[in-house]
Amino acid sequence: MLHAIKPEEHGPMGEAMARAVQTCVHCGFCLPACPTYQELGQEMDSPRGRIVLMKQVLEGSLPAAAAQPHLDRCLGCLACEPACPSGVPYRDLISPFRARQEATADRPWAARLRRHLAAATIPHPGRFRLALRGAGFARAWRRLVPSALRPMLDLAPASVPPALPLAPVNPARGVRRARVALLAGCAQQVLDPDINRATVDVLVRNGVEVLIPEAQGCCGGLAWHTGDLKAAQAFARRNLGAFSHDVDAILTNAAGCGSALHEYGLILRGTAEAERAEAFAHQVQDVSVFLDRLGLRERPAGEGPRRIAYHDACHLANAQGVRAEPRRLLAAIPGVELCELAQAHLCCGSAGTYNLDQPEIAGSLGRQKAEAVIATGAAVVASGNIGCLTQLRVHLAALGAPVRVRHTLQVLRDAYGPGDAA
């Protein structure tokens, strides 16, 4: 038998998990693409090894506790998917498996507390802003904080930028070419609210009316990737109700959020909202894809930085297959030379809350990515995900590198120069 998993025993996602396991032929092409395999060199910390572990747990031949450490170390970066000649849908296995196992997982108290604090704050901008300010005060007492919680202090920024509220309706400049709804995100609103402002500025300049649904919330990605299915479904249902289908597209400017929205059909599989979730996911586009297809009506006039390094966010490049579009937008800026990073396929180590749960691996990957950026000689590094941008800022600063870290849409907005677009 190819496998002995009985899908009907594993809930609505059982068939998807079984199909992913069955598709794997154990060829090993995923190994050099996997960041944790590169870091640890252990078969069980590779996609192939993890698939074997999950198969055995689902079959009942291996206790879940034996597999848990290796599965916890998976970044969920999905670099294994484009590397796989058999087309294994690893995303259909890892997140549903975590959702199945998380309720009974045996974790140390500090790990449970860390996950609880992240889940209770990050998806809620008001709480997250307060938590970051509190972390700033607590940093002075770092030695008294339990070591398992120190990564949360270390990653907190020295200061929190002021909020930049956006209007619910942002009219297009000139003749309207399209009408979209934008997911504002949760962590991004707190860590770098100018990203949303830049996104709206660029869109309206190019004839796009932008709606910011007031009832929207977190995409649910953080919950989904850590196995909290109930919370992920609640966030998904909220957004299904908040976003109207009467738009040309639902846009995201954070790779992790976009990936999560595309998975609403899987998150809500077997529920009354499953069909609506699939339709919703088909409307979702990354802002770089939407602008590239629409075409820039207003070309940037000013010169940007001469050399810009571009970092592929994993959930943009691997999960959504978006690589060329943001590069074309940046290349439209006069005078720009785009620089590619060495080992660009390797994750920067952010991966949602991964740098809180696995700080050693995340730290090593972050340093390597920062060193790759420095090696390009670029003055600016651009990316399309708030987690990646935060990770790059932390590690570039630690290395003393004066490289500016910017979202792709911030670079494009800055190249337009001052104006009355928004």
Protein backbone atom coordinates (compact mmCIF):
# COMPACT_ATOMS: atom_id res chain seq x y z
CA MET A 1 0.00 0.00 0.00
CA LEU A 2 1.16 3.55 -0.69
CA HIS A 3 -0.20 4.58 2.66
CA ALA A 4 -2.63 3.35 5.26
CA ILE A 5 -4.13 6.68 6.27
CA LYS A 6 -7.92 6.61 6.50
CA PRO A 7 -9.01 10.14 5.54
CA GLU A 8 -12.45 9.77 7.11
CA GLU A 9 -10.82 9.40 10.53
CA HIS A 10 -9.12 12.80 10.36
CA GLY A 11 -11.98 15.21 9.76
CA PRO A 12 -12.75 17.44 6.76
CA MET A 13 -9.05 17.94 5.99
CA GLY A 14 -8.21 14.24 6.12
CA GLU A 15 -8.45 13.76 2.37
CA ALA A 16 -6.11 16.69 1.68
CA MET A 17 -3.54 15.34 4.15
CA ALA A 18 -3.73 11.81 2.74
CA ARG A 19 -3.31 13.11 -0.82
CA ALA A 20 -0.22 15.10 0.14
CA VAL A 21 1.36 12.06 1.82
CA GLN A 22 0.56 9.82 -1.13
CA THR A 23 2.06 12.25 -3.67
CA CYS A 24 5.51 12.19 -2.01
CA VAL A 25 7.89 9.70 -3.67
CA HIS A 26 10.73 10.43 -1.18
CA CYS A 27 13.13 11.59 -3.91
CA GLY A 28 14.92 14.12 -1.70
CA PHE A 29 14.80 17.13 -4.05
CA CYS A 30 13.28 19.09 -1.16
CA LEU A 31 16.29 18.68 1.11
CA PRO A 32 18.57 21.41 -0.31
CA ALA A 33 15.60 23.80 -0.45
CA CYS A 34 14.72 23.35 3.22
CA PRO A 35 16.23 25.92 5.62
CA THR A 36 16.00 23.70 8.68
CA TYR A 37 17.67 20.80 6.90
CA GLN A 38 20.47 23.17 5.89
CA GLU A 39 20.76 24.36 9.49
CA LEU A 40 20.45 21.04 11.32
CA GLY A 41 21.38 18.39 8.75
CA GLN A 42 18.84 15.92 10.13
CA GLU A 43 16.54 13.88 7.88
CA MET A 44 13.61 14.32 10.26
CA ASP A 45 14.04 18.09 10.00
CA SER A 46 13.48 18.03 6.24
CA PRO A 47 10.15 18.00 4.36
CA ARG A 48 10.67 14.38 3.34
CA GLY A 49 11.38 13.35 6.91
CA ARG A 50 8.44 15.30 8.29
CA ILE A 51 6.08 13.74 5.77
CA VAL A 52 7.16 10.30 6.99
CA LEU A 53 6.60 11.36 10.60
CA MET A 54 3.16 12.80 9.89
CA LYS A 55 2.18 9.70 7.92
CA GLN A 56 3.15 7.46 10.83
CA VAL A 57 1.24 9.59 13.34
CA LEU A 58 -1.86 9.64 11.15
CA GLU A 59 -1.63 5.87 10.71
CA GLY A 60 -1.30 5.42 14.47
CA SER A 61 2.12 3.76 14.33
CA LEU A 62 4.03 6.65 15.98
CA PRO A 63 3.15 8.70 19.07
CA ALA A 64 2.54 12.34 18.18
CA ALA A 65 4.98 13.44 20.90
CA ALA A 66 7.86 11.78 19.02
CA ALA A 67 7.16 13.81 15.89
CA GLN A 68 6.29 17.11 17.55
CA PRO A 69 9.80 18.62 17.98
CA HIS A 70 10.62 18.11 14.30
CA LEU A 71 7.28 19.50 13.13
CA ASP A 72 7.61 22.50 15.45
CA ARG A 73 10.91 23.29 13.76
CA CYS A 74 9.24 23.52 10.33
CA LEU A 75 9.10 27.17 9.23
CA GLY A 76 6.16 26.54 6.93
CA CYS A 77 8.08 28.53 4.29
CA LEU A 78 6.96 26.10 1.54
CA ALA A 79 10.32 26.28 -0.27
CA CYS A 80 9.86 22.53 -0.69
CA GLU A 81 6.86 22.98 -2.97
CA PRO A 82 8.55 24.61 -6.00
CA ALA A 83 11.51 22.26 -5.51
CA CYS A 84 9.32 19.13 -5.61
CA PRO A 85 9.11 17.37 -9.03
CA SER A 86 6.05 15.42 -7.87
CA GLY A 87 4.09 18.50 -6.84
CA VAL A 88 3.51 17.53 -3.22
CA PRO A 89 1.06 20.09 -1.73
CA TYR A 90 2.97 20.31 1.55
CA ARG A 91 0.74 23.18 2.73
CA ASP A 92 -2.25 20.83 2.65
CA LEU A 93 -0.45 18.61 5.15
CA ILE A 94 1.57 20.68 7.62
CA SER A 95 -1.07 23.21 8.73
CA PRO A 96 -3.99 20.73 8.90
CA PHE A 97 -1.75 18.30 10.79
CA ARG A 98 -0.82 20.99 13.31
CA ALA A 99 -4.50 21.87 13.69
CA ARG A 100 -5.27 18.20 14.38
CA GLN A 101 -2.51 17.76 16.96
CA GLU A 102 -2.24 21.12 18.74
CA ALA A 103 -5.07 20.55 21.22
CA THR A 104 -3.26 17.55 22.73
CA ALA A 105 0.34 18.74 22.28
CA ASP A 106 2.44 18.56 25.44
CA ARG A 107 4.49 21.76 25.65
CA PRO A 108 6.55 23.31 28.45
CA TRP A 109 4.76 26.08 30.36
CA ALA A 110 6.98 28.79 28.89
CA ALA A 111 6.22 27.71 25.31
CA ARG A 112 2.49 27.65 26.08
CA LEU A 113 2.70 31.10 27.67
CA ARG A 114 4.67 32.48 24.73
CA ARG A 115 2.08 31.19 22.27
CA HIS A 116 -0.77 32.51 24.38
CA LEU A 117 0.77 35.98 24.62
CA ALA A 118 1.41 36.10 20.87
CA ALA A 119 -2.12 34.95 20.04
CA ALA A 120 -3.68 37.38 22.50
CA THR A 121 -1.79 40.44 21.23
CA ILE A 122 -0.43 40.30 17.66
CA PRO A 123 -3.77 39.85 15.83
CA HIS A 124 -5.25 42.84 17.71
CA PRO A 125 -3.52 46.15 16.84
CA GLY A 126 -4.56 47.99 20.01
CA ARG A 127 -3.33 45.24 22.30
CA PHE A 128 -0.19 44.70 20.24
CA ARG A 129 0.75 48.38 20.42
CA LEU A 130 0.37 48.32 24.21
CA ALA A 131 2.36 45.09 24.47
CA LEU A 132 5.25 46.54 22.47
CA ARG A 133 5.35 49.64 24.64
CA GLY A 134 5.35 47.41 27.71
CA ALA A 135 8.20 45.39 26.24
CA GLY A 136 10.20 48.59 25.93
CA PHE A 137 9.93 49.15 29.67
CA ALA A 138 10.56 45.48 30.48
CA ARG A 139 13.78 45.42 28.46
CA ALA A 140 15.53 47.26 31.27
CA TRP A 141 14.75 44.26 33.51
CA ARG A 142 15.68 41.66 30.91
CA ARG A 143 17.84 39.63 33.28
CA LEU A 144 14.82 39.02 35.50
CA VAL A 145 12.66 37.78 32.62
CA PRO A 146 12.58 33.98 32.08
CA SER A 147 14.93 33.02 29.25
CA ALA A 148 12.09 31.45 27.26
CA LEU A 149 10.35 34.84 27.07
CA ARG A 150 13.38 36.98 26.24
CA PRO A 151 13.03 36.59 22.44
CA MET A 152 9.79 38.56 22.72
CA LEU A 153 11.69 41.45 24.31
CA ASP A 154 14.60 41.22 21.88
CA LEU A 155 12.37 41.47 18.82
CA ALA A 156 10.29 44.38 20.11
CA PRO A 157 11.24 47.68 18.42
CA ALA A 158 12.79 50.47 20.47
CA SER A 159 9.80 52.67 19.66
CA VAL A 160 6.36 52.22 18.14
CA PRO A 161 5.39 54.56 15.29
CA PRO A 162 2.17 56.55 15.65
CA ALA A 163 -0.94 55.05 14.11
CA LEU A 164 -1.90 56.23 10.62
CA PRO A 165 -5.65 55.71 10.27
CA LEU A 166 -6.94 55.27 6.72
CA ALA A 167 -10.25 56.49 5.36
CA PRO A 168 -12.85 53.77 4.65
CA VAL A 169 -13.09 55.07 1.07
CA ASN A 170 -10.08 56.44 -0.84
CA PRO A 171 -11.22 57.79 -4.24
CA ALA A 172 -9.20 57.14 -7.37
CA ARG A 173 -7.21 60.01 -8.80
CA GLY A 174 -8.56 60.99 -12.22
CA VAL A 175 -10.56 58.44 -14.19
CA ARG A 176 -11.29 55.37 -12.08
CA ARG A 177 -9.77 52.24 -13.58
CA ALA A 178 -10.61 49.76 -10.81
CA ARG A 179 -12.16 49.41 -7.36
CA VAL A 180 -10.53 47.22 -4.72
CA ALA A 181 -10.72 46.37 -1.02
CA LEU A 182 -7.50 46.28 1.00
CA LEU A 183 -6.73 44.05 3.96
CA ALA A 184 -5.00 46.38 6.43
CA GLY A 185 -3.42 43.58 8.44
CA CYS A 186 -2.80 43.54 12.18
CA ALA A 187 0.92 43.55 13.08
CA GLN A 188 1.69 45.74 10.10
CA GLN A 189 -0.65 48.50 11.33
CA VAL A 190 1.47 48.71 14.47
CA LEU A 191 5.02 47.97 13.30
CA ASP A 192 4.98 50.00 10.07
CA PRO A 193 1.64 51.70 9.34
CA ASP A 194 3.24 53.69 6.52
CA ILE A 195 3.13 50.53 4.37
CA ASN A 196 -0.65 50.79 4.14
CA ARG A 197 -0.44 54.52 3.52
CA ALA A 198 2.06 53.96 0.70
CA THR A 199 -0.10 51.22 -0.78
CA VAL A 200 -3.15 53.46 -0.89
CA ASP A 201 -1.09 56.36 -2.30
CA VAL A 202 0.25 54.28 -5.19
CA LEU A 203 -3.11 52.72 -5.98
CA VAL A 204 -5.10 55.97 -6.07
CA ARG A 205 -2.38 57.63 -8.17
CA ASN A 206 -2.95 54.91 -10.71
CA GLY A 207 -6.72 55.29 -10.88
CA VAL A 208 -7.77 52.72 -8.29
CA GLU A 209 -10.46 53.39 -5.69
CA VAL A 210 -9.44 51.72 -2.43
CA LEU A 211 -11.91 50.56 0.22
CA ILE A 212 -10.75 49.71 3.75
CA PRO A 213 -13.58 47.62 5.25
CA GLU A 214 -13.98 48.73 8.86
CA ALA A 215 -15.26 45.35 10.09
CA GLN A 216 -12.18 43.42 8.91
CA GLY A 217 -9.72 41.75 11.25
CA CYS A 218 -6.62 39.59 11.31
CA CYS A 219 -6.27 37.23 8.35
CA GLY A 220 -5.94 34.28 10.75
CA GLY A 221 -2.55 33.24 9.40
CA LEU A 222 -0.73 33.24 12.74
CA ALA A 223 -3.41 31.03 14.29
CA TRP A 224 -3.55 28.72 11.26
CA HIS A 225 0.20 28.17 11.11
CA THR A 226 0.42 27.35 14.83
CA GLY A 227 -2.46 24.89 14.78
CA ASP A 228 -5.23 27.02 16.35
CA LEU A 229 -7.95 26.04 13.88
CA LYS A 230 -10.82 27.47 15.93
CA ALA A 231 -9.24 30.94 16.01
CA ALA A 232 -8.26 30.77 12.33
CA GLN A 233 -11.83 29.92 11.38
CA ALA A 234 -13.21 32.76 13.50
CA PHE A 235 -10.90 35.27 11.79
CA ALA A 236 -11.82 33.85 8.37
CA ARG A 237 -15.55 34.13 9.05
CA ARG A 238 -15.13 37.72 10.19
CA ASN A 239 -13.38 38.68 6.98
CA LEU A 240 -15.88 36.83 4.81
CA GLY A 241 -18.53 39.07 6.35
CA ALA A 242 -16.47 42.26 6.16
CA PHE A 243 -15.41 42.17 2.51
CA SER A 244 -17.90 42.77 -0.28
CA HIS A 245 -17.68 40.75 -3.47
CA ASP A 246 -18.56 43.93 -5.39
CA VAL A 247 -14.91 44.84 -6.05
CA ASP A 248 -12.44 43.99 -8.76
CA ALA A 249 -10.07 42.37 -6.26
CA ILE A 250 -9.32 41.92 -2.58
CA LEU A 251 -5.74 43.09 -2.12
CA THR A 252 -3.09 42.26 0.42
CA ASN A 253 0.33 43.88 0.89
CA ALA A 254 1.68 41.26 3.31
CA ALA A 255 2.74 37.90 1.90
CA GLY A 256 1.71 35.93 4.98
CA CYS A 257 -1.75 37.46 4.98
CA GLY A 258 -2.23 36.81 1.29
CA SER A 259 -1.23 33.19 1.70
CA ALA A 260 -3.68 32.75 4.56
CA LEU A 261 -6.55 34.33 2.62
CA HIS A 262 -5.86 31.96 -0.27
CA GLU A 263 -6.23 29.05 2.16
CA TYR A 264 -9.66 30.05 3.49
CA GLY A 265 -11.20 27.21 1.49
CA LEU A 266 -9.06 24.71 3.40
CA ILE A 267 -9.45 26.46 6.75
CA LEU A 268 -13.25 26.39 6.43
CA ARG A 269 -13.51 23.03 4.67
CA GLY A 270 -16.50 21.05 5.88
CA THR A 271 -18.27 24.13 7.27
CA ALA A 272 -21.31 26.04 6.01
CA GLU A 273 -18.99 28.79 4.73
CA ALA A 274 -16.75 26.53 2.62
CA GLU A 275 -18.15 27.59 -0.76
CA ARG A 276 -18.04 31.28 0.11
CA ALA A 277 -14.48 30.87 1.34
CA GLU A 278 -13.37 29.37 -1.99
CA ALA A 279 -14.99 32.25 -3.91
CA PHE A 280 -13.37 34.77 -1.58
CA ALA A 281 -9.93 33.22 -2.06
CA HIS A 282 -10.25 33.54 -5.85
CA GLN A 283 -10.64 37.32 -5.46
CA VAL A 284 -7.44 37.73 -3.44
CA GLN A 285 -4.34 39.19 -5.10
CA ASP A 286 -1.10 40.60 -3.83
CA VAL A 287 -0.95 44.32 -4.55
CA SER A 288 2.14 43.85 -6.73
CA VAL A 289 0.28 41.38 -8.95
CA PHE A 290 -2.72 43.68 -9.26
CA LEU A 291 -0.62 46.72 -10.19
CA ASP A 292 1.54 44.77 -12.61
CA ARG A 293 -1.52 43.45 -14.46
CA LEU A 294 -3.30 46.80 -14.41
CA GLY A 295 -0.20 48.66 -15.52
CA LEU A 296 1.19 51.82 -13.98
CA ARG A 297 -0.77 54.72 -15.44
CA GLU A 298 1.49 57.19 -13.69
CA ARG A 299 5.14 56.31 -14.06
CA PRO A 300 7.57 57.27 -11.28
CA ALA A 301 9.38 60.45 -12.25
CA GLY A 302 12.12 60.68 -9.65
CA GLU A 303 15.10 58.42 -9.27
CA GLY A 304 15.09 55.86 -6.52
CA PRO A 305 18.16 54.43 -4.83
CA ARG A 306 20.66 53.25 -7.44
CA ARG A 307 20.93 49.71 -6.06
CA ILE A 308 17.95 47.93 -4.50
CA ALA A 309 18.19 44.38 -3.20
CA TYR A 310 14.96 42.42 -3.45
CA HIS A 311 14.13 39.76 -0.86
CA ASP A 312 11.53 37.16 -1.84
CA ALA A 313 9.12 36.68 1.04
CA CYS A 314 8.45 32.94 1.26
CA HIS A 315 4.68 33.27 1.34
CA LEU A 316 4.81 35.47 -1.74
CA ALA A 317 7.31 33.51 -3.84
CA ASN A 318 6.55 29.95 -2.69
CA ALA A 319 2.95 30.03 -1.49
CA GLN A 320 1.59 32.42 -4.15
CA GLY A 321 4.12 32.05 -6.95
CA VAL A 322 4.72 35.81 -7.07
CA ARG A 323 8.30 36.64 -8.06
CA ALA A 324 8.43 38.68 -11.26
CA GLU A 325 5.71 41.23 -10.50
CA PRO A 326 7.34 43.15 -7.63
CA ARG A 327 10.63 43.14 -9.52
CA ARG A 328 8.95 44.71 -12.55
CA LEU A 329 7.41 47.44 -10.39
CA LEU A 330 10.77 48.29 -8.85
CA ALA A 331 12.48 48.20 -12.24
CA ALA A 332 9.99 50.84 -13.48
CA ILE A 333 11.73 53.41 -11.25
CA PRO A 334 14.30 55.39 -13.26
CA GLY A 335 17.90 54.62 -12.40
CA VAL A 336 17.23 51.51 -10.31
CA GLU A 337 19.56 48.52 -10.44
CA LEU A 338 17.94 45.44 -8.89
CA CYS A 339 20.25 43.11 -6.97
CA GLU A 340 19.51 39.45 -6.33
CA LEU A 341 20.46 37.81 -3.04
CA ALA A 342 22.63 34.73 -2.72
CA GLN A 343 20.64 31.71 -1.53
CA ALA A 344 17.48 33.74 -2.15
CA HIS A 345 15.23 30.70 -1.75
CA LEU A 346 16.13 30.29 1.94
CA CYS A 347 13.72 31.78 4.48
CA CYS A 348 14.83 34.78 6.53
CA GLY A 349 13.64 33.02 9.70
CA SER A 350 10.70 35.25 10.58
CA ALA A 351 7.82 32.94 9.57
CA GLY A 352 5.06 34.42 11.72
CA THR A 353 5.90 33.66 15.34
CA TYR A 354 8.73 31.25 14.48
CA ASN A 355 11.41 33.65 15.72
CA LEU A 356 9.69 33.54 19.11
CA ASP A 357 9.31 29.75 19.21
CA GLN A 358 12.66 28.78 17.61
CA PRO A 359 14.95 31.78 18.27
CA GLU A 360 18.25 29.98 17.60
CA ILE A 361 17.31 28.76 14.12
CA ALA A 362 15.51 32.00 13.31
CA GLY A 363 18.49 34.03 14.47
CA SER A 364 20.93 32.08 12.31
CA LEU A 365 18.71 32.41 9.23
CA GLY A 366 18.20 36.11 9.92
CA ARG A 367 21.94 36.77 10.15
CA GLN A 368 22.58 34.89 6.91
CA LYS A 369 19.90 36.85 5.10
CA ALA A 370 21.25 40.16 6.41
CA GLU A 371 24.75 39.19 5.31
CA ALA A 372 23.41 38.36 1.84
CA VAL A 373 21.81 41.80 1.66
CA ILE A 374 25.03 43.53 2.73
CA ALA A 375 27.01 41.58 0.12
CA THR A 376 24.97 43.18 -2.69
CA GLY A 377 26.16 46.67 -1.77
CA ALA A 378 22.57 47.91 -2.04
CA ALA A 379 21.42 50.99 -0.17
CA VAL A 380 17.88 49.62 0.20
CA VAL A 381 16.39 46.15 0.56
CA ALA A 382 12.76 45.74 -0.45
CA SER A 383 10.31 42.97 0.34
CA GLY A 384 6.58 42.34 0.50
CA ASN A 385 5.97 41.04 4.00
CA ILE A 386 6.03 42.79 7.38
CA GLY A 387 7.58 39.80 9.14
CA CYS A 388 10.50 39.71 6.71
CA LEU A 389 10.96 43.48 6.95
CA THR A 390 11.06 43.31 10.75
CA GLN A 391 13.53 40.42 10.70
CA LEU A 392 15.79 42.22 8.23
CA ARG A 393 15.76 45.42 10.30
CA VAL A 394 16.75 43.55 13.46
CA HIS A 395 19.64 41.66 11.88
CA LEU A 396 20.95 44.44 9.66
CA ALA A 397 21.03 46.72 12.70
CA ALA A 398 22.85 44.04 14.72
CA LEU A 399 25.51 43.92 12.00
CA GLY A 400 25.77 47.71 11.92
CA ALA A 401 24.68 47.91 8.28
CA PRO A 402 23.12 51.24 7.16
CA VAL A 403 20.76 49.52 4.69
CA ARG A 404 17.21 50.90 4.60
CA VAL A 405 14.49 48.27 4.83
CA ARG A 406 11.37 49.13 2.83
CA HIS A 407 8.23 47.53 1.49
CA THR A 408 8.08 47.39 -2.31
CA LEU A 409 5.15 49.84 -2.31
CA GLN A 410 7.03 52.27 -0.05
CA VAL A 411 9.91 52.34 -2.52
CA LEU A 412 7.51 52.96 -5.38
CA ARG A 413 5.60 55.66 -3.47
CA ASP A 414 8.84 57.43 -2.54
CA ALA A 415 9.90 57.41 -6.19
CA TYR A 416 6.74 59.28 -7.14
CA GLY A 417 7.76 62.09 -4.81
CA PRO A 418 5.38 64.47 -3.06
CA GLY A 419 1.91 64.84 -4.49
CA ASP A 420 -1.78 65.01 -3.71
CA ALA A 421 -2.58 61.38 -4.41
CA ALA A 422 -4.12 60.67 -1.01
